[in-house]
Protein backbone atom coordinates (compact mmCIF):
# COMPACT_ATOMS: atom_id res chain seq x y z
CA MET A 1 99.88 47.39 96.59
CA MET A 2 101.45 49.93 94.46
CA LYS A 3 97.90 50.73 92.98
CA ASN A 4 96.45 51.21 96.38
CA THR A 5 99.36 53.73 97.36
CA LYS A 6 98.68 55.72 94.11
CA LEU A 7 95.13 55.76 94.74
CA PHE A 8 95.64 56.93 98.41
CA ILE A 9 97.82 59.60 97.27
CA LEU A 10 95.46 60.82 94.62
CA GLY A 11 92.68 60.85 97.10
CA LEU A 12 94.70 63.09 99.63
CA LEU A 13 95.58 65.57 96.68
CA LEU A 14 91.97 65.77 95.52
CA SER A 15 90.55 66.21 99.07
CA GLY A 16 92.81 69.21 99.66
CA MET A 17 91.78 71.11 96.40
CA PRO A 18 88.48 72.55 97.59
CA MET A 19 90.35 73.81 100.64
CA ILE A 20 92.76 75.66 98.62
CA ALA A 21 90.24 77.13 96.36
CA SER A 22 87.75 78.11 99.25
CA ALA A 23 90.76 79.67 101.09
CA GLN A 24 91.04 82.54 98.57
CA SER A 25 87.54 83.22 98.33
CA LYS A 26 86.32 86.15 100.59
CA THR A 27 83.09 88.00 101.32
CA GLU A 28 82.96 91.38 102.82
CA THR A 29 80.41 93.85 103.73
CA ILE A 30 81.13 97.56 103.03
CA LYS A 31 78.98 100.79 103.80
CA VAL A 32 78.65 102.62 100.47
CA ALA A 33 76.41 105.90 100.39
CA GLY A 34 73.80 106.05 97.54
CA ASN A 35 69.98 106.65 97.04
CA CYS A 36 68.49 104.43 94.33
CA GLY A 37 68.22 101.69 91.96
CA MET A 38 70.48 103.65 89.51
CA CYS A 39 73.09 103.96 92.40
CA GLN A 40 72.79 100.21 92.79
CA LYS A 41 73.60 99.51 89.19
CA HIS A 42 76.83 101.97 89.31
CA ILE A 43 78.07 100.53 92.59
CA GLU A 44 77.75 96.97 91.96
CA SER A 45 79.08 97.45 88.38
CA ALA A 46 82.19 99.48 89.77
CA ALA A 47 82.75 96.51 92.25
CA LYS A 48 82.69 93.77 89.66
CA LYS A 49 84.99 95.80 87.26
CA ALA A 50 87.56 95.76 90.41
CA GLY A 51 87.28 92.01 90.61
CA ALA A 52 84.33 91.21 92.78
CA THR A 53 82.65 87.91 91.36
CA GLU A 54 79.49 88.95 93.07
CA ALA A 55 78.26 92.40 94.32
CA LYS A 56 75.02 93.32 95.83
CA TRP A 57 74.34 96.90 97.25
CA ASN A 58 71.30 97.25 99.65
CA LYS A 59 69.42 100.37 99.31
CA LYS A 60 68.14 100.55 102.75
CA THR A 61 71.10 99.38 104.81
CA LYS A 62 73.70 101.19 102.54
CA GLU A 63 75.66 98.13 102.47
CA LEU A 64 77.50 96.38 99.51
CA THR A 65 78.14 92.80 99.94
CA VAL A 66 81.12 91.49 97.64
CA SER A 67 82.41 88.16 96.92
CA PHE A 68 86.05 88.04 95.50
CA ASP A 69 89.16 86.11 94.91
CA ALA A 70 91.68 87.37 97.49
CA SER A 71 94.59 86.17 95.13
CA LYS A 72 93.32 88.62 92.58
CA THR A 73 91.78 91.71 94.19
CA SER A 74 90.95 93.16 97.81
CA ASP A 75 88.39 94.84 99.73
CA ASP A 76 90.58 98.00 99.34
CA ALA A 77 90.72 97.87 95.51
CA ILE A 78 86.98 97.21 95.46
CA GLN A 79 86.50 100.27 97.68
CA LYS A 80 88.65 102.54 95.62
CA ALA A 81 86.99 101.56 92.37
CA VAL A 82 83.47 102.43 93.96
CA ALA A 83 84.87 105.67 95.05
CA ALA A 84 86.16 106.32 91.70
CA SER A 85 82.73 106.00 90.40
CA GLY A 86 81.49 108.73 92.73
CA TYR A 87 80.27 107.01 95.71
CA ASP A 88 81.66 107.39 99.36
CA THR A 89 82.75 104.18 100.90
CA GLU A 90 83.61 103.52 104.57
CA LYS A 91 87.37 104.31 103.65
CA TYR A 92 87.31 106.47 100.72
CA ALA A 93 85.48 109.81 99.52
CA GLY A 94 83.83 109.36 96.16
CA ASP A 95 85.62 111.22 93.13
CA GLU A 96 84.07 114.60 93.02
CA LYS A 97 84.14 114.85 89.26
CA ALA A 98 82.42 111.33 89.04
CA TYR A 99 79.92 112.32 91.78
CA ASN A 100 79.08 115.76 89.86
CA GLY A 101 78.36 113.47 86.79
CA LEU A 102 75.98 111.12 88.52
CA ASP A 103 72.14 111.56 87.83
CA GLU A 104 70.57 114.02 90.09
CA CYS A 105 68.70 111.11 92.03
CA CYS A 106 72.19 109.57 92.79
CA GLN A 107 73.52 112.66 94.39
CA TYR A 108 73.00 112.01 98.13
CA GLU A 109 73.24 114.12 101.15
CA GLY A 110 76.17 113.85 103.46
CA LYS A 111 78.76 113.66 100.51
CA LYS A 112 82.28 113.27 102.07
CA LYS A 113 84.57 116.09 101.32
CA ALA A 114 87.65 114.30 102.65
CA ALA A 115 90.63 113.46 100.33
CA ASN A 116 91.06 110.00 99.33
CA LYS A 117 93.92 108.09 100.63
């Protein structure tokens, strides 16, 4: 009887673990300005450095889809990192100095001039 109780409790604990792990994993889509394949590499790299476990920027839609552990980083932190690398996001203007250092093909029209928050 005691063995069955222990197995039952162990089963309950193990069945709840996947829910705990998946509750912290988030996927977000963020608008990010850019032009080319080089932009894609810069944008995805900045997102990953900010803690994204996966980052995929679509050149046509100008959308960055990121997956991340919400206990380690946030959508906001990822957007700040992308902006720091020179690219405008939906919330932050790209850093002017970083933008000016981008390859000419990566300097896009419609660059935001607003100050970052």
